[in-house]
Amino acid sequence: MEPQVTNGPNSATANGPSSNSRSCPSPMQTGGSNDDSKTNLIVNYLPQNMTQEEFRSLFGSIGEIESCKLVRDKIT
């Protein structure tokens, strides 16, 4: 008996998910380089009264912080 072939958003093959599944490409797949100069990190839910000095103290042990900008919610 021949296996059924399906082609839809919920179809899957015995070898894994369908070709409709999405994943993030790795830097190697996108031709990215090892240049970290364009790396940004967004950190949410910081205290409204946190200073840049406190931020650097908290995250500086993880790695070098070239610059930081604390964006405040103007409403609260």
PDB file of N, CA and C in Angstrom:
ATOM      1  N   MET A   1       0.849  -1.174   0.000  1.00  0.00           N
ATOM      2  CA  MET A   1       0.000   0.000   0.000  1.00  0.00           C
ATOM      3  C   MET A   1       0.893   1.235   0.000  1.00  0.00           C
ATOM      4  N   GLU A   2       0.592   2.201  -0.844  1.00  0.00           N
ATOM      5  CA  GLU A   2       1.360   3.439  -0.960  1.00  0.00           C
ATOM      6  C   GLU A   2       1.014   4.383   0.191  1.00  0.00           C
ATOM      7  N   PRO A   3       2.023   5.054   0.786  1.00  0.00           N
ATOM      8  CA  PRO A   3       1.713   6.041   1.822  1.00  0.00           C
ATOM      9  C   PRO A   3       1.033   7.250   1.201  1.00  0.00           C
ATOM     10  N   GLN A   4       0.138   7.872   1.959  1.00  0.00           N
ATOM     11  CA  GLN A   4      -0.542   9.059   1.471  1.00  0.00           C
ATOM     12  C   GLN A   4       0.401  10.247   1.544  1.00  0.00           C
ATOM     13  N   VAL A   5       0.336  11.090   0.533  1.00  0.00           N
ATOM     14  CA  VAL A   5       1.129  12.317   0.503  1.00  0.00           C
ATOM     15  C   VAL A   5       0.179  13.465   0.767  1.00  0.00           C
ATOM     16  N   THR A   6       0.489  14.256   1.774  1.00  0.00           N
ATOM     17  CA  THR A   6      -0.344  15.410   2.088  1.00  0.00           C
ATOM     18  C   THR A   6       0.484  16.667   1.940  1.00  0.00           C
ATOM     19  N   ASN A   7      -0.178  17.738   1.621  1.00  0.00           N
ATOM     20  CA  ASN A   7       0.513  19.008   1.456  1.00  0.00           C
ATOM     21  C   ASN A   7      -0.368  20.093   2.050  1.00  0.00           C
ATOM     22  N   GLY A   8      -0.223  20.315   3.324  1.00  0.00           N
ATOM     23  CA  GLY A   8      -1.023  21.316   3.997  1.00  0.00           C
ATOM     24  C   GLY A   8      -0.286  21.846   5.198  1.00  0.00           C
ATOM     25  N   PRO A   9      -0.829  22.865   5.833  1.00  0.00           N
ATOM     26  CA  PRO A   9      -0.126  23.478   6.965  1.00  0.00           C
ATOM     27  C   PRO A   9       0.041  22.556   8.158  1.00  0.00           C
ATOM     28  N   ASN A  10      -0.813  21.552   8.286  1.00  0.00           N
ATOM     29  CA  ASN A  10      -0.721  20.654   9.433  1.00  0.00           C
ATOM     30  C   ASN A  10      -0.123  19.303   9.073  1.00  0.00           C
ATOM     31  N   SER A  11       0.376  19.167   7.845  1.00  0.00           N
ATOM     32  CA  SER A  11       0.921  17.877   7.435  1.00  0.00           C
ATOM     33  C   SER A  11       2.314  17.692   7.994  1.00  0.00           C
ATOM     34  N   ALA A  12       2.675  16.444   8.214  1.00  0.00           N
ATOM     35  CA  ALA A  12       4.015  16.112   8.692  1.00  0.00           C
ATOM     36  C   ALA A  12       4.446  14.826   8.016  1.00  0.00           C
ATOM     37  N   THR A  13       5.737  14.650   7.896  1.00  0.00           N
ATOM     38  CA  THR A  13       6.248  13.423   7.308  1.00  0.00           C
ATOM     39  C   THR A  13       6.827  12.560   8.404  1.00  0.00           C
ATOM     40  N   ALA A  14       7.146  11.337   8.061  1.00  0.00           N
ATOM     41  CA  ALA A  14       7.734  10.429   9.041  1.00  0.00           C
ATOM     42  C   ALA A  14       9.122  10.895   9.449  1.00  0.00           C
ATOM     43  N   ASN A  15       9.750  11.747   8.634  1.00  0.00           N
ATOM     44  CA  ASN A  15      11.105  12.215   8.933  1.00  0.00           C
ATOM     45  C   ASN A  15      11.128  13.507   9.731  1.00  0.00           C
ATOM     46  N   GLY A  16       9.991  14.066  10.050  1.00  0.00           N
ATOM     47  CA  GLY A  16       9.982  15.291  10.835  1.00  0.00           C
ATOM     48  C   GLY A  16       8.893  16.227  10.359  1.00  0.00           C
ATOM     49  N   PRO A  17       8.972  17.487  10.761  1.00  0.00           N
ATOM     50  CA  PRO A  17       7.926  18.443  10.419  1.00  0.00           C
ATOM     51  C   PRO A  17       7.910  18.724   8.922  1.00  0.00           C
ATOM     52  N   SER A  18       6.796  19.267   8.479  1.00  0.00           N
ATOM     53  CA  SER A  18       6.648  19.564   7.060  1.00  0.00           C
ATOM     54  C   SER A  18       7.559  20.702   6.654  1.00  0.00           C
ATOM     55  N   SER A  19       7.649  20.915   5.360  1.00  0.00           N
ATOM     56  CA  SER A  19       8.492  21.990   4.854  1.00  0.00           C
ATOM     57  C   SER A  19       7.910  23.352   5.163  1.00  0.00           C
ATOM     58  N   ASN A  20       6.698  23.399   5.692  1.00  0.00           N
ATOM     59  CA  ASN A  20       6.075  24.663   6.044  1.00  0.00           C
ATOM     60  C   ASN A  20       6.532  25.185   7.398  1.00  0.00           C
ATOM     61  N   SER A  21       7.264  24.369   8.163  1.00  0.00           N
ATOM     62  CA  SER A  21       7.712  24.832   9.468  1.00  0.00           C
ATOM     63  C   SER A  21       8.774  25.898   9.289  1.00  0.00           C
ATOM     64  N   ARG A  22       8.848  26.806  10.240  1.00  0.00           N
ATOM     65  CA  ARG A  22       9.793  27.912  10.148  1.00  0.00           C
ATOM     66  C   ARG A  22      10.768  27.855  11.302  1.00  0.00           C
ATOM     67  N   SER A  23      11.983  28.200  11.016  1.00  0.00           N
ATOM     68  CA  SER A  23      12.987  28.286  12.060  1.00  0.00           C
ATOM     69  C   SER A  23      13.916  29.430  11.732  1.00  0.00           C
ATOM     70  N   CYS A  24      14.611  29.913  12.725  1.00  0.00           N
ATOM     71  CA  CYS A  24      15.556  31.004  12.529  1.00  0.00           C
ATOM     72  C   CYS A  24      16.841  30.440  11.950  1.00  0.00           C
ATOM     73  N   PRO A  25      17.339  31.034  10.882  1.00  0.00           N
ATOM     74  CA  PRO A  25      18.601  30.547  10.323  1.00  0.00           C
ATOM     75  C   PRO A  25      19.757  30.927  11.227  1.00  0.00           C
ATOM     76  N   SER A  26      20.769  30.098  11.225  1.00  0.00           N
ATOM     77  CA  SER A  26      21.959  30.411  12.005  1.00  0.00           C
ATOM     78  C   SER A  26      22.774  31.452  11.256  1.00  0.00           C
ATOM     79  N   PRO A  27      23.688  32.161  11.931  1.00  0.00           N
ATOM     80  CA  PRO A  27      24.537  33.134  11.241  1.00  0.00           C
ATOM     81  C   PRO A  27      25.317  32.512  10.096  1.00  0.00           C
ATOM     82  N   MET A  28      25.691  31.232  10.223  1.00  0.00           N
ATOM     83  CA  MET A  28      26.426  30.578   9.150  1.00  0.00           C
ATOM     84  C   MET A  28      25.542  30.436   7.912  1.00  0.00           C
ATOM     85  N   GLN A  29      24.248  30.202   8.105  1.00  0.00           N
ATOM     86  CA  GLN A  29      23.339  30.043   6.980  1.00  0.00           C
ATOM     87  C   GLN A  29      23.065  31.368   6.288  1.00  0.00           C
ATOM     88  N   THR A  30      23.101  32.464   7.023  1.00  0.00           N
ATOM     89  CA  THR A  30      22.804  33.767   6.448  1.00  0.00           C
ATOM     90  C   THR A  30      24.050  34.483   5.972  1.00  0.00           C
ATOM     91  N   GLY A  31      25.204  33.844   6.084  1.00  0.00           N
ATOM     92  CA  GLY A  31      26.438  34.476   5.626  1.00  0.00           C
ATOM     93  C   GLY A  31      26.982  35.485   6.616  1.00  0.00           C
ATOM     94  N   GLY A  32      26.549  35.399   7.872  1.00  0.00           N
ATOM     95  CA  GLY A  32      27.021  36.330   8.882  1.00  0.00           C
ATOM     96  C   GLY A  32      28.472  36.100   9.225  1.00  0.00           C
ATOM     97  N   SER A  33      29.089  37.122   9.747  1.00  0.00           N
ATOM     98  CA  SER A  33      30.490  37.007  10.131  1.00  0.00           C
ATOM     99  C   SER A  33      30.592  36.978  11.646  1.00  0.00           C
ATOM    100  N   ASN A  34      31.788  36.901  12.144  1.00  0.00           N
ATOM    101  CA  ASN A  34      32.019  36.897  13.586  1.00  0.00           C
ATOM    102  C   ASN A  34      32.111  38.306  14.135  1.00  0.00           C
ATOM    103  N   ASP A  35      31.722  39.317  13.366  1.00  0.00           N
ATOM    104  CA  ASP A  35      31.795  40.708  13.790  1.00  0.00           C
ATOM    105  C   ASP A  35      30.673  40.980  14.783  1.00  0.00           C
ATOM    106  N   ASP A  36      31.031  41.203  16.039  1.00  0.00           N
ATOM    107  CA  ASP A  36      30.042  41.456  17.078  1.00  0.00           C
ATOM    108  C   ASP A  36      29.717  42.936  17.224  1.00  0.00           C
ATOM    109  N   SER A  37      30.241  43.789  16.353  1.00  0.00           N
ATOM    110  CA  SER A  37      30.055  45.224  16.511  1.00  0.00           C
ATOM    111  C   SER A  37      28.605  45.652  16.326  1.00  0.00           C
ATOM    112  N   LYS A  38      27.776  44.811  15.749  1.00  0.00           N
ATOM    113  CA  LYS A  38      26.381  45.165  15.526  1.00  0.00           C
ATOM    114  C   LYS A  38      25.454  44.432  16.479  1.00  0.00           C
ATOM    115  N   THR A  39      25.968  43.961  17.588  1.00  0.00           N
ATOM    116  CA  THR A  39      25.173  43.207  18.542  1.00  0.00           C
ATOM    117  C   THR A  39      24.463  44.160  19.496  1.00  0.00           C
ATOM    118  N   ASN A  40      23.156  43.990  19.637  1.00  0.00           N
ATOM    119  CA  ASN A  40      22.352  44.762  20.575  1.00  0.00           C
ATOM    120  C   ASN A  40      21.586  43.801  21.461  1.00  0.00           C
ATOM    121  N   LEU A  41      21.324  44.238  22.666  1.00  0.00           N
ATOM    122  CA  LEU A  41      20.540  43.442  23.598  1.00  0.00           C
ATOM    123  C   LEU A  41      19.485  44.341  24.210  1.00  0.00           C
ATOM    124  N   ILE A  42      18.246  43.909  24.177  1.00  0.00           N
ATOM    125  CA  ILE A  42      17.151  44.653  24.787  1.00  0.00           C
ATOM    126  C   ILE A  42      16.738  43.911  26.048  1.00  0.00           C
ATOM    127  N   VAL A  43      16.713  44.628  27.166  1.00  0.00           N
ATOM    128  CA  VAL A  43      16.328  44.048  28.450  1.00  0.00           C
ATOM    129  C   VAL A  43      15.052  44.751  28.896  1.00  0.00           C
ATOM    130  N   ASN A  44      13.985  43.989  29.061  1.00  0.00           N
ATOM    131  CA  ASN A  44      12.701  44.542  29.485  1.00  0.00           C
ATOM    132  C   ASN A  44      12.507  44.371  30.984  1.00  0.00           C
ATOM    133  N   TYR A  45      11.548  45.099  31.496  1.00  0.00           N
ATOM    134  CA  TYR A  45      11.080  44.992  32.877  1.00  0.00           C
ATOM    135  C   TYR A  45      12.146  45.358  33.900  1.00  0.00           C
ATOM    136  N   LEU A  46      12.928  46.371  33.589  1.00  0.00           N
ATOM    137  CA  LEU A  46      13.868  46.906  34.569  1.00  0.00           C
ATOM    138  C   LEU A  46      13.111  47.889  35.456  1.00  0.00           C
ATOM    139  N   PRO A  47      13.576  48.085  36.675  1.00  0.00           N
ATOM    140  CA  PRO A  47      12.923  49.080  37.531  1.00  0.00           C
ATOM    141  C   PRO A  47      12.987  50.466  36.890  1.00  0.00           C
ATOM    142  N   GLN A  48      11.914  51.242  37.033  1.00  0.00           N
ATOM    143  CA  GLN A  48      11.860  52.582  36.446  1.00  0.00           C
ATOM    144  C   GLN A  48      12.970  53.493  36.961  1.00  0.00           C
ATOM    145  N   ASN A  49      13.407  53.270  38.180  1.00  0.00           N
ATOM    146  CA  ASN A  49      14.412  54.154  38.773  1.00  0.00           C
ATOM    147  C   ASN A  49      15.842  53.632  38.624  1.00  0.00           C
ATOM    148  N   MET A  50      16.058  52.588  37.838  1.00  0.00           N
ATOM    149  CA  MET A  50      17.412  52.044  37.651  1.00  0.00           C
ATOM    150  C   MET A  50      18.268  53.043  36.882  1.00  0.00           C
ATOM    151  N   THR A  51      19.487  53.244  37.349  1.00  0.00           N
ATOM    152  CA  THR A  51      20.421  54.144  36.683  1.00  0.00           C
ATOM    153  C   THR A  51      21.323  53.361  35.739  1.00  0.00           C
ATOM    154  N   GLN A  52      22.013  54.089  34.861  1.00  0.00           N
ATOM    155  CA  GLN A  52      22.957  53.434  33.960  1.00  0.00           C
ATOM    156  C   GLN A  52      24.092  52.792  34.744  1.00  0.00           C
ATOM    157  N   GLU A  53      24.492  53.415  35.832  1.00  0.00           N
ATOM    158  CA  GLU A  53      25.555  52.845  36.660  1.00  0.00           C
ATOM    159  C   GLU A  53      25.114  51.520  37.278  1.00  0.00           C
ATOM    160  N   GLU A  54      23.872  51.459  37.749  1.00  0.00           N
ATOM    161  CA  GLU A  54      23.345  50.211  38.304  1.00  0.00           C
ATOM    162  C   GLU A  54      23.225  49.140  37.218  1.00  0.00           C
ATOM    163  N   PHE A  55      22.806  49.544  36.030  1.00  0.00           N
ATOM    164  CA  PHE A  55      22.701  48.611  34.912  1.00  0.00           C
ATOM    165  C   PHE A  55      24.068  48.031  34.579  1.00  0.00           C
ATOM    166  N   ARG A  56      25.076  48.895  34.479  1.00  0.00           N
ATOM    167  CA  ARG A  56      26.438  48.440  34.176  1.00  0.00           C
ATOM    168  C   ARG A  56      26.968  47.530  35.281  1.00  0.00           C
ATOM    169  N   SER A  57      26.656  47.845  36.513  1.00  0.00           N
ATOM    170  CA  SER A  57      27.095  47.014  37.630  1.00  0.00           C
ATOM    171  C   SER A  57      26.437  45.634  37.573  1.00  0.00           C
ATOM    172  N   LEU A  58      25.167  45.603  37.215  1.00  0.00           N
ATOM    173  CA  LEU A  58      24.417  44.353  37.167  1.00  0.00           C
ATOM    174  C   LEU A  58      24.850  43.463  36.007  1.00  0.00           C
ATOM    175  N   PHE A  59      25.046  44.045  34.817  1.00  0.00           N
ATOM    176  CA  PHE A  59      25.324  43.253  33.623  1.00  0.00           C
ATOM    177  C   PHE A  59      26.781  43.291  33.179  1.00  0.00           C
ATOM    178  N   GLY A  60      27.596  44.129  33.777  1.00  0.00           N
ATOM    179  CA  GLY A  60      28.992  44.255  33.370  1.00  0.00           C
ATOM    180  C   GLY A  60      29.816  43.008  33.598  1.00  0.00           C
ATOM    181  N   SER A  61      29.432  42.183  34.547  1.00  0.00           N
ATOM    182  CA  SER A  61      30.187  40.954  34.809  1.00  0.00           C
ATOM    183  C   SER A  61      29.978  39.915  33.703  1.00  0.00           C
ATOM    184  N   ILE A  62      28.931  40.077  32.904  1.00  0.00           N
ATOM    185  CA  ILE A  62      28.642  39.141  31.818  1.00  0.00           C
ATOM    186  C   ILE A  62      29.508  39.437  30.603  1.00  0.00           C
ATOM    187  N   GLY A  63      29.783  40.695  30.378  1.00  0.00           N
ATOM    188  CA  GLY A  63      30.592  41.087  29.224  1.00  0.00           C
ATOM    189  C   GLY A  63      30.712  42.591  29.155  1.00  0.00           C
ATOM    190  N   GLU A  64      31.551  43.050  28.231  1.00  0.00           N
ATOM    191  CA  GLU A  64      31.783  44.482  28.079  1.00  0.00           C
ATOM    192  C   GLU A  64      30.524  45.167  27.556  1.00  0.00           C
ATOM    193  N   ILE A  65      30.188  46.301  28.150  1.00  0.00           N
ATOM    194  CA  ILE A  65      29.062  47.111  27.697  1.00  0.00           C
ATOM    195  C   ILE A  65      29.649  48.358  27.057  1.00  0.00           C
ATOM    196  N   GLU A  66      29.564  48.447  25.738  1.00  0.00           N
ATOM    197  CA  GLU A  66      30.092  49.616  25.039  1.00  0.00           C
ATOM    198  C   GLU A  66      29.237  50.834  25.311  1.00  0.00           C
ATOM    199  N   SER A  67      27.943  50.677  25.253  1.00  0.00           N
ATOM    200  CA  SER A  67      27.031  51.781  25.527  1.00  0.00           C
ATOM    201  C   SER A  67      25.705  51.197  25.975  1.00  0.00           C
ATOM    202  N   CYS A  68      24.942  51.997  26.679  1.00  0.00           N
ATOM    203  CA  CYS A  68      23.605  51.566  27.066  1.00  0.00           C
ATOM    204  C   CYS A  68      22.688  52.773  27.074  1.00  0.00           C
ATOM    205  N   LYS A  69      21.439  52.515  26.799  1.00  0.00           N
ATOM    206  CA  LYS A  69      20.424  53.560  26.793  1.00  0.00           C
ATOM    207  C   LYS A  69      19.219  53.017  27.535  1.00  0.00           C
ATOM    208  N   LEU A  70      18.853  53.664  28.601  1.00  0.00           N
ATOM    209  CA  LEU A  70      17.685  53.246  29.370  1.00  0.00           C
ATOM    210  C   LEU A  70      16.489  54.053  28.883  1.00  0.00           C
ATOM    211  N   VAL A  71      15.511  53.379  28.333  1.00  0.00           N
ATOM    212  CA  VAL A  71      14.312  54.027  27.814  1.00  0.00           C
ATOM    213  C   VAL A  71      13.239  53.925  28.881  1.00  0.00           C
ATOM    214  N   ARG A  72      12.715  55.054  29.270  1.00  0.00           N
ATOM    215  CA  ARG A  72      11.718  55.101  30.348  1.00  0.00           C
ATOM    216  C   ARG A  72      10.314  55.217  29.764  1.00  0.00           C
ATOM    217  N   ASP A  73       9.361  54.621  30.454  1.00  0.00           N
ATOM    218  CA  ASP A  73       7.959  54.763  30.092  1.00  0.00           C
ATOM    219  C   ASP A  73       7.504  56.126  30.593  1.00  0.00           C
ATOM    220  N   LYS A  74       7.129  57.014  29.685  1.00  0.00           N
ATOM    221  CA  LYS A  74       6.767  58.383  30.061  1.00  0.00           C
ATOM    222  C   LYS A  74       5.437  58.457  30.803  1.00  0.00           C
ATOM    223  N   ILE A  75       4.604  57.432  30.646  1.00  0.00           N
ATOM    224  CA  ILE A  75       3.280  57.456  31.265  1.00  0.00           C
ATOM    225  C   ILE A  75       3.348  57.102  32.742  1.00  0.00           C
ATOM    226  N   THR A  76       4.171  56.135  33.105  1.00  0.00           N
ATOM    227  CA  THR A  76       4.227  55.705  34.509  1.00  0.00           C
ATOM    228  C   THR A  76       5.394  56.310  35.229  1.00  0.00           C
TER     229      THR A  76
END
